[in-house]
Amino acid sequence: LIKHGVSESLRQRMMAAGRQFFELPPPEKLKYTGKHVLDPIRYGTSFNSSVDQVLCWRDYLKVITHPVLNFPESPPEL
């Protein structure tokens, strides 16, 4: 990322916090499994594990931050 106005130190802290979230135990991450597409915080995977072959596994964390900031409780750095 270049010319975005976000400092390198902030970018590094954000990346570290994201890694910490994905290193949490599964039960902790599953608290944020999305029930609805408009949930302010949604954790999930990019495929249906009961149907799809695993070709490209992608877990995700989507956080809607506008108009209200919503963040997972753990890790606190998020």
PDB file of N, CA and C in Angstrom:
ATOM      1  N   LEU A   1       0.840  -1.180   0.000  1.00  0.00           N
ATOM      2  CA  LEU A   1       0.000   0.000   0.000  1.00  0.00           C
ATOM      3  C   LEU A   1       0.881   1.238   0.000  1.00  0.00           C
ATOM      4  N   ILE A   2       0.585   2.142  -0.904  1.00  0.00           N
ATOM      5  CA  ILE A   2       1.325   3.394  -0.940  1.00  0.00           C
ATOM      6  C   ILE A   2       0.350   4.550  -1.140  1.00  0.00           C
ATOM      7  N   LYS A   3       0.771   5.720  -0.661  1.00  0.00           N
ATOM      8  CA  LYS A   3       0.017   6.965  -0.840  1.00  0.00           C
ATOM      9  C   LYS A   3      -1.437   6.861  -0.363  1.00  0.00           C
ATOM     10  N   HIS A   4      -1.631   6.267   0.803  1.00  0.00           N
ATOM     11  CA  HIS A   4      -2.976   6.096   1.351  1.00  0.00           C
ATOM     12  C   HIS A   4      -3.174   6.906   2.626  1.00  0.00           C
ATOM     13  N   GLY A   5      -2.101   7.507   3.134  1.00  0.00           N
ATOM     14  CA  GLY A   5      -2.197   8.330   4.329  1.00  0.00           C
ATOM     15  C   GLY A   5      -2.186   7.554   5.633  1.00  0.00           C
ATOM     16  N   VAL A   6      -2.011   6.246   5.583  1.00  0.00           N
ATOM     17  CA  VAL A   6      -1.954   5.418   6.789  1.00  0.00           C
ATOM     18  C   VAL A   6      -0.486   5.160   7.094  1.00  0.00           C
ATOM     19  N   SER A   7      -0.072   5.469   8.322  1.00  0.00           N
ATOM     20  CA  SER A   7       1.338   5.304   8.674  1.00  0.00           C
ATOM     21  C   SER A   7       1.738   3.833   8.649  1.00  0.00           C
ATOM     22  N   GLU A   8       3.014   3.608   8.406  1.00  0.00           N
ATOM     23  CA  GLU A   8       3.545   2.240   8.373  1.00  0.00           C
ATOM     24  C   GLU A   8       3.343   1.558   9.725  1.00  0.00           C
ATOM     25  N   SER A   9       3.537   2.294  10.824  1.00  0.00           N
ATOM     26  CA  SER A   9       3.377   1.670  12.143  1.00  0.00           C
ATOM     27  C   SER A   9       1.924   1.262  12.385  1.00  0.00           C
ATOM     28  N   LEU A  10       0.968   2.083  11.965  1.00  0.00           N
ATOM     29  CA  LEU A  10      -0.445   1.717  12.119  1.00  0.00           C
ATOM     30  C   LEU A  10      -0.782   0.514  11.246  1.00  0.00           C
ATOM     31  N   ARG A  11      -0.285   0.495  10.018  1.00  0.00           N
ATOM     32  CA  ARG A  11      -0.535  -0.635   9.127  1.00  0.00           C
ATOM     33  C   ARG A  11       0.015  -1.923   9.734  1.00  0.00           C
ATOM     34  N   GLN A  12       1.219  -1.857  10.302  1.00  0.00           N
ATOM     35  CA  GLN A  12       1.813  -3.047  10.918  1.00  0.00           C
ATOM     36  C   GLN A  12       1.008  -3.501  12.129  1.00  0.00           C
ATOM     37  N   ARG A  13       0.521  -2.566  12.947  1.00  0.00           N
ATOM     38  CA  ARG A  13      -0.293  -2.933  14.115  1.00  0.00           C
ATOM     39  C   ARG A  13      -1.613  -3.564  13.687  1.00  0.00           C
ATOM     40  N   MET A  14      -2.214  -3.038  12.617  1.00  0.00           N
ATOM     41  CA  MET A  14      -3.464  -3.610  12.112  1.00  0.00           C
ATOM     42  C   MET A  14      -3.242  -5.035  11.603  1.00  0.00           C
ATOM     43  N   MET A  15      -2.163  -5.253  10.873  1.00  0.00           N
ATOM     44  CA  MET A  15      -1.859  -6.591  10.360  1.00  0.00           C
ATOM     45  C   MET A  15      -1.598  -7.559  11.516  1.00  0.00           C
ATOM     46  N   ALA A  16      -0.870  -7.108  12.536  1.00  0.00           N
ATOM     47  CA  ALA A  16      -0.582  -7.959  13.693  1.00  0.00           C
ATOM     48  C   ALA A  16      -1.870  -8.312  14.433  1.00  0.00           C
ATOM     49  N   ALA A  17      -2.771  -7.350  14.600  1.00  0.00           N
ATOM     50  CA  ALA A  17      -4.042  -7.610  15.284  1.00  0.00           C
ATOM     51  C   ALA A  17      -4.877  -8.599  14.485  1.00  0.00           C
ATOM     52  N   GLY A  18      -4.879  -8.477  13.168  1.00  0.00           N
ATOM     53  CA  GLY A  18      -5.603  -9.435  12.329  1.00  0.00           C
ATOM     54  C   GLY A  18      -5.051 -10.839  12.484  1.00  0.00           C
ATOM     55  N   ARG A  19      -3.724 -10.959  12.489  1.00  0.00           N
ATOM     56  CA  ARG A  19      -3.107 -12.283  12.696  1.00  0.00           C
ATOM     57  C   ARG A  19      -3.504 -12.848  14.051  1.00  0.00           C
ATOM     58  N   GLN A  20      -3.520 -11.992  15.083  1.00  0.00           N
ATOM     59  CA  GLN A  20      -3.898 -12.456  16.421  1.00  0.00           C
ATOM     60  C   GLN A  20      -5.326 -12.984  16.423  1.00  0.00           C
ATOM     61  N   PHE A  21      -6.227 -12.310  15.710  1.00  0.00           N
ATOM     62  CA  PHE A  21      -7.605 -12.795  15.655  1.00  0.00           C
ATOM     63  C   PHE A  21      -7.647 -14.197  15.060  1.00  0.00           C
ATOM     64  N   PHE A  22      -6.979 -14.418  13.937  1.00  0.00           N
ATOM     65  CA  PHE A  22      -7.047 -15.718  13.271  1.00  0.00           C
ATOM     66  C   PHE A  22      -6.291 -16.805  14.023  1.00  0.00           C
ATOM     67  N   GLU A  23      -5.445 -16.423  14.982  1.00  0.00           N
ATOM     68  CA  GLU A  23      -4.758 -17.400  15.830  1.00  0.00           C
ATOM     69  C   GLU A  23      -5.576 -17.766  17.069  1.00  0.00           C
ATOM     70  N   LEU A  24      -6.700 -17.089  17.292  1.00  0.00           N
ATOM     71  CA  LEU A  24      -7.555 -17.413  18.441  1.00  0.00           C
ATOM     72  C   LEU A  24      -8.085 -18.836  18.310  1.00  0.00           C
ATOM     73  N   PRO A  25      -8.447 -19.472  19.434  1.00  0.00           N
ATOM     74  CA  PRO A  25      -9.059 -20.801  19.371  1.00  0.00           C
ATOM     75  C   PRO A  25     -10.381 -20.737  18.598  1.00  0.00           C
ATOM     76  N   PRO A  26     -10.729 -21.800  17.881  1.00  0.00           N
ATOM     77  CA  PRO A  26     -11.973 -21.801  17.097  1.00  0.00           C
ATOM     78  C   PRO A  26     -13.214 -21.349  17.866  1.00  0.00           C
ATOM     79  N   PRO A  27     -13.441 -21.789  19.113  1.00  0.00           N
ATOM     80  CA  PRO A  27     -14.663 -21.332  19.802  1.00  0.00           C
ATOM     81  C   PRO A  27     -14.725 -19.808  19.953  1.00  0.00           C
ATOM     82  N   GLU A  28     -13.572 -19.175  20.149  1.00  0.00           N
ATOM     83  CA  GLU A  28     -13.545 -17.715  20.286  1.00  0.00           C
ATOM     84  C   GLU A  28     -13.891 -17.045  18.956  1.00  0.00           C
ATOM     85  N   LYS A  29     -13.337 -17.539  17.852  1.00  0.00           N
ATOM     86  CA  LYS A  29     -13.634 -16.964  16.535  1.00  0.00           C
ATOM     87  C   LYS A  29     -15.080 -17.221  16.135  1.00  0.00           C
ATOM     88  N   LEU A  30     -15.608 -18.379  16.514  1.00  0.00           N
ATOM     89  CA  LEU A  30     -16.974 -18.737  16.114  1.00  0.00           C
ATOM     90  C   LEU A  30     -18.034 -17.832  16.738  1.00  0.00           C
ATOM     91  N   LYS A  31     -17.673 -17.087  17.786  1.00  0.00           N
ATOM     92  CA  LYS A  31     -18.609 -16.107  18.362  1.00  0.00           C
ATOM     93  C   LYS A  31     -19.031 -15.084  17.314  1.00  0.00           C
ATOM     94  N   TYR A  32     -18.202 -14.917  16.297  1.00  0.00           N
ATOM     95  CA  TYR A  32     -18.439 -13.887  15.284  1.00  0.00           C
ATOM     96  C   TYR A  32     -18.884 -14.465  13.948  1.00  0.00           C
ATOM     97  N   THR A  33     -19.286 -15.726  13.936  1.00  0.00           N
ATOM     98  CA  THR A  33     -19.801 -16.317  12.704  1.00  0.00           C
ATOM     99  C   THR A  33     -21.032 -15.535  12.274  1.00  0.00           C
ATOM    100  N   GLY A  34     -21.020 -15.073  11.050  1.00  0.00           N
ATOM    101  CA  GLY A  34     -22.106 -14.231  10.557  1.00  0.00           C
ATOM    102  C   GLY A  34     -23.415 -14.984  10.420  1.00  0.00           C
ATOM    103  N   LYS A  35     -24.455 -14.406  10.952  1.00  0.00           N
ATOM    104  CA  LYS A  35     -25.801 -14.964  10.796  1.00  0.00           C
ATOM    105  C   LYS A  35     -26.539 -14.264   9.663  1.00  0.00           C
ATOM    106  N   HIS A  36     -26.132 -13.020   9.390  1.00  0.00           N
ATOM    107  CA  HIS A  36     -26.800 -12.206   8.374  1.00  0.00           C
ATOM    108  C   HIS A  36     -25.743 -11.353   7.668  1.00  0.00           C
ATOM    109  N   VAL A  37     -25.945 -11.107   6.403  1.00  0.00           N
ATOM    110  CA  VAL A  37     -24.974 -10.358   5.603  1.00  0.00           C
ATOM    111  C   VAL A  37     -24.716  -8.954   6.158  1.00  0.00           C
ATOM    112  N   LEU A  38     -25.657  -8.385   6.891  1.00  0.00           N
ATOM    113  CA  LEU A  38     -25.482  -7.042   7.438  1.00  0.00           C
ATOM    114  C   LEU A  38     -25.004  -7.021   8.884  1.00  0.00           C
ATOM    115  N   ASP A  39     -24.653  -8.179   9.456  1.00  0.00           N
ATOM    116  CA  ASP A  39     -24.093  -8.185  10.804  1.00  0.00           C
ATOM    117  C   ASP A  39     -22.851  -7.294  10.820  1.00  0.00           C
ATOM    118  N   PRO A  40     -22.651  -6.488  11.876  1.00  0.00           N
ATOM    119  CA  PRO A  40     -21.519  -5.564  11.884  1.00  0.00           C
ATOM    120  C   PRO A  40     -20.161  -6.259  11.956  1.00  0.00           C
ATOM    121  N   ILE A  41     -20.122  -7.473  12.503  1.00  0.00           N
ATOM    122  CA  ILE A  41     -18.885  -8.259  12.551  1.00  0.00           C
ATOM    123  C   ILE A  41     -19.217  -9.654  12.052  1.00  0.00           C
ATOM    124  N   ARG A  42     -18.474 -10.118  11.049  1.00  0.00           N
ATOM    125  CA  ARG A  42     -18.724 -11.465  10.515  1.00  0.00           C
ATOM    126  C   ARG A  42     -17.409 -12.189  10.279  1.00  0.00           C
ATOM    127  N   TYR A  43     -17.334 -13.398  10.823  1.00  0.00           N
ATOM    128  CA  TYR A  43     -16.204 -14.289  10.588  1.00  0.00           C
ATOM    129  C   TYR A  43     -16.745 -15.473   9.808  1.00  0.00           C
ATOM    130  N   GLY A  44     -15.985 -15.957   8.866  1.00  0.00           N
ATOM    131  CA  GLY A  44     -16.435 -17.112   8.103  1.00  0.00           C
ATOM    132  C   GLY A  44     -15.354 -17.624   7.180  1.00  0.00           C
ATOM    133  N   THR A  45     -15.757 -18.520   6.301  1.00  0.00           N
ATOM    134  CA  THR A  45     -14.850 -19.088   5.318  1.00  0.00           C
ATOM    135  C   THR A  45     -15.464 -18.924   3.939  1.00  0.00           C
ATOM    136  N   SER A  46     -14.649 -19.091   2.930  1.00  0.00           N
ATOM    137  CA  SER A  46     -15.081 -18.779   1.569  1.00  0.00           C
ATOM    138  C   SER A  46     -15.759 -19.937   0.858  1.00  0.00           C
ATOM    139  N   PHE A  47     -15.974 -21.052   1.544  1.00  0.00           N
ATOM    140  CA  PHE A  47     -16.593 -22.193   0.879  1.00  0.00           C
ATOM    141  C   PHE A  47     -17.434 -22.986   1.862  1.00  0.00           C
ATOM    142  N   ASN A  48     -18.270 -23.861   1.351  1.00  0.00           N
ATOM    143  CA  ASN A  48     -19.091 -24.751   2.163  1.00  0.00           C
ATOM    144  C   ASN A  48     -18.306 -26.041   2.350  1.00  0.00           C
ATOM    145  N   SER A  49     -17.766 -26.251   3.539  1.00  0.00           N
ATOM    146  CA  SER A  49     -16.878 -27.387   3.777  1.00  0.00           C
ATOM    147  C   SER A  49     -17.580 -28.733   3.653  1.00  0.00           C
ATOM    148  N   SER A  50     -18.906 -28.761   3.721  1.00  0.00           N
ATOM    149  CA  SER A  50     -19.613 -30.035   3.593  1.00  0.00           C
ATOM    150  C   SER A  50     -19.873 -30.399   2.134  1.00  0.00           C
ATOM    151  N   VAL A  51     -19.663 -29.458   1.213  1.00  0.00           N
ATOM    152  CA  VAL A  51     -19.957 -29.694  -0.200  1.00  0.00           C
ATOM    153  C   VAL A  51     -18.739 -29.494  -1.092  1.00  0.00           C
ATOM    154  N   ASP A  52     -18.034 -28.395  -0.897  1.00  0.00           N
ATOM    155  CA  ASP A  52     -16.963 -27.997  -1.802  1.00  0.00           C
ATOM    156  C   ASP A  52     -15.651 -28.718  -1.511  1.00  0.00           C
ATOM    157  N   GLN A  53     -14.878 -28.941  -2.575  1.00  0.00           N
ATOM    158  CA  GLN A  53     -13.512 -29.397  -2.395  1.00  0.00           C
ATOM    159  C   GLN A  53     -12.687 -28.193  -1.964  1.00  0.00           C
ATOM    160  N   VAL A  54     -11.677 -28.439  -1.159  1.00  0.00           N
ATOM    161  CA  VAL A  54     -10.839 -27.342  -0.690  1.00  0.00           C
ATOM    162  C   VAL A  54      -9.785 -27.055  -1.752  1.00  0.00           C
ATOM    163  N   LEU A  55     -10.025 -26.035  -2.563  1.00  0.00           N
ATOM    164  CA  LEU A  55      -9.073 -25.633  -3.586  1.00  0.00           C
ATOM    165  C   LEU A  55      -8.325 -24.376  -3.146  1.00  0.00           C
ATOM    166  N   CYS A  56      -9.035 -23.476  -2.553  1.00  0.00           N
ATOM    167  CA  CYS A  56      -8.434 -22.232  -2.065  1.00  0.00           C
ATOM    168  C   CYS A  56      -9.192 -21.822  -0.806  1.00  0.00           C
ATOM    169  N   TRP A  57      -8.675 -22.210   0.334  1.00  0.00           N
ATOM    170  CA  TRP A  57      -9.339 -21.938   1.606  1.00  0.00           C
ATOM    171  C   TRP A  57      -9.057 -20.494   2.010  1.00  0.00           C
ATOM    172  N   ARG A  58     -10.098 -19.751   2.316  1.00  0.00           N
ATOM    173  CA  ARG A  58      -9.940 -18.361   2.734  1.00  0.00           C
ATOM    174  C   ARG A  58     -10.890 -18.099   3.887  1.00  0.00           C
ATOM    175  N   ASP A  59     -10.335 -17.875   5.070  1.00  0.00           N
ATOM    176  CA  ASP A  59     -11.139 -17.410   6.191  1.00  0.00           C
ATOM    177  C   ASP A  59     -11.157 -15.887   6.136  1.00  0.00           C
ATOM    178  N   TYR A  60     -12.236 -15.285   6.641  1.00  0.00           N
ATOM    179  CA  TYR A  60     -12.313 -13.827   6.596  1.00  0.00           C
ATOM    180  C   TYR A  60     -12.934 -13.273   7.867  1.00  0.00           C
ATOM    181  N   LEU A  61     -12.626 -12.031   8.126  1.00  0.00           N
ATOM    182  CA  LEU A  61     -13.238 -11.251   9.193  1.00  0.00           C
ATOM    183  C   LEU A  61     -13.666  -9.937   8.558  1.00  0.00           C
ATOM    184  N   LYS A  62     -14.963  -9.698   8.523  1.00  0.00           N
ATOM    185  CA  LYS A  62     -15.488  -8.447   7.971  1.00  0.00           C
ATOM    186  C   LYS A  62     -16.014  -7.611   9.126  1.00  0.00           C
ATOM    187  N   VAL A  63     -15.567  -6.375   9.186  1.00  0.00           N
ATOM    188  CA  VAL A  63     -15.957  -5.465  10.257  1.00  0.00           C
ATOM    189  C   VAL A  63     -16.507  -4.195   9.623  1.00  0.00           C
ATOM    190  N   ILE A  64     -17.786  -3.919   9.839  1.00  0.00           N
ATOM    191  CA  ILE A  64     -18.393  -2.685   9.353  1.00  0.00           C
ATOM    192  C   ILE A  64     -18.087  -1.599  10.377  1.00  0.00           C
ATOM    193  N   THR A  65     -17.439  -0.541   9.938  1.00  0.00           N
ATOM    194  CA  THR A  65     -17.008   0.505  10.878  1.00  0.00           C
ATOM    195  C   THR A  65     -17.715   1.835  10.677  1.00  0.00           C
ATOM    196  N   HIS A  66     -18.682   1.871   9.792  1.00  0.00           N
ATOM    197  CA  HIS A  66     -19.392   3.131   9.569  1.00  0.00           C
ATOM    198  C   HIS A  66     -20.888   2.864   9.540  1.00  0.00           C
ATOM    199  N   PRO A  67     -21.695   3.582  10.227  1.00  0.00           N
ATOM    200  CA  PRO A  67     -21.429   4.803  10.968  1.00  0.00           C
ATOM    201  C   PRO A  67     -20.975   4.559  12.408  1.00  0.00           C
ATOM    202  N   VAL A  68     -21.038   3.323  12.907  1.00  0.00           N
ATOM    203  CA  VAL A  68     -20.642   3.012  14.280  1.00  0.00           C
ATOM    204  C   VAL A  68     -19.479   2.035  14.234  1.00  0.00           C
ATOM    205  N   LEU A  69     -18.479   2.263  15.096  1.00  0.00           N
ATOM    206  CA  LEU A  69     -17.356   1.337  15.151  1.00  0.00           C
ATOM    207  C   LEU A  69     -17.767   0.073  15.887  1.00  0.00           C
ATOM    208  N   ASN A  70     -17.552  -1.079  15.261  1.00  0.00           N
ATOM    209  CA  ASN A  70     -17.828  -2.382  15.860  1.00  0.00           C
ATOM    210  C   ASN A  70     -16.565  -3.215  15.722  1.00  0.00           C
ATOM    211  N   PHE A  71     -16.083  -3.763  16.830  1.00  0.00           N
ATOM    212  CA  PHE A  71     -14.888  -4.586  16.781  1.00  0.00           C
ATOM    213  C   PHE A  71     -15.088  -5.816  17.647  1.00  0.00           C
ATOM    214  N   PRO A  72     -14.452  -6.936  17.286  1.00  0.00           N
ATOM    215  CA  PRO A  72     -14.489  -8.107  18.162  1.00  0.00           C
ATOM    216  C   PRO A  72     -13.863  -7.762  19.514  1.00  0.00           C
ATOM    217  N   GLU A  73     -14.273  -8.471  20.550  1.00  0.00           N
ATOM    218  CA  GLU A  73     -13.718  -8.231  21.881  1.00  0.00           C
ATOM    219  C   GLU A  73     -12.280  -8.716  21.986  1.00  0.00           C
ATOM    220  N   SER A  74     -11.926  -9.707  21.185  1.00  0.00           N
ATOM    221  CA  SER A  74     -10.598 -10.291  21.270  1.00  0.00           C
ATOM    222  C   SER A  74     -10.036 -10.458  19.870  1.00  0.00           C
ATOM    223  N   PRO A  75      -8.786 -10.168  19.658  1.00  0.00           N
ATOM    224  CA  PRO A  75      -7.825  -9.580  20.584  1.00  0.00           C
ATOM    225  C   PRO A  75      -8.120  -8.095  20.792  1.00  0.00           C
ATOM    226  N   PRO A  76      -7.746  -7.567  21.954  1.00  0.00           N
ATOM    227  CA  PRO A  76      -8.073  -6.175  22.261  1.00  0.00           C
ATOM    228  C   PRO A  76      -7.431  -5.175  21.300  1.00  0.00           C
ATOM    229  N   GLU A  77      -6.368  -5.585  20.599  1.00  0.00           N
ATOM    230  CA  GLU A  77      -5.702  -4.686  19.654  1.00  0.00           C
ATOM    231  C   GLU A  77      -6.586  -4.341  18.461  1.00  0.00           C
ATOM    232  N   LEU A  78      -7.603  -5.172  18.164  1.00  0.00           N
ATOM    233  CA  LEU A  78      -8.507  -4.846  17.068  1.00  0.00           C
ATOM    234  C   LEU A  78      -9.385  -3.710  17.509  1.00  0.00           C
TER     235      LEU A  78
END
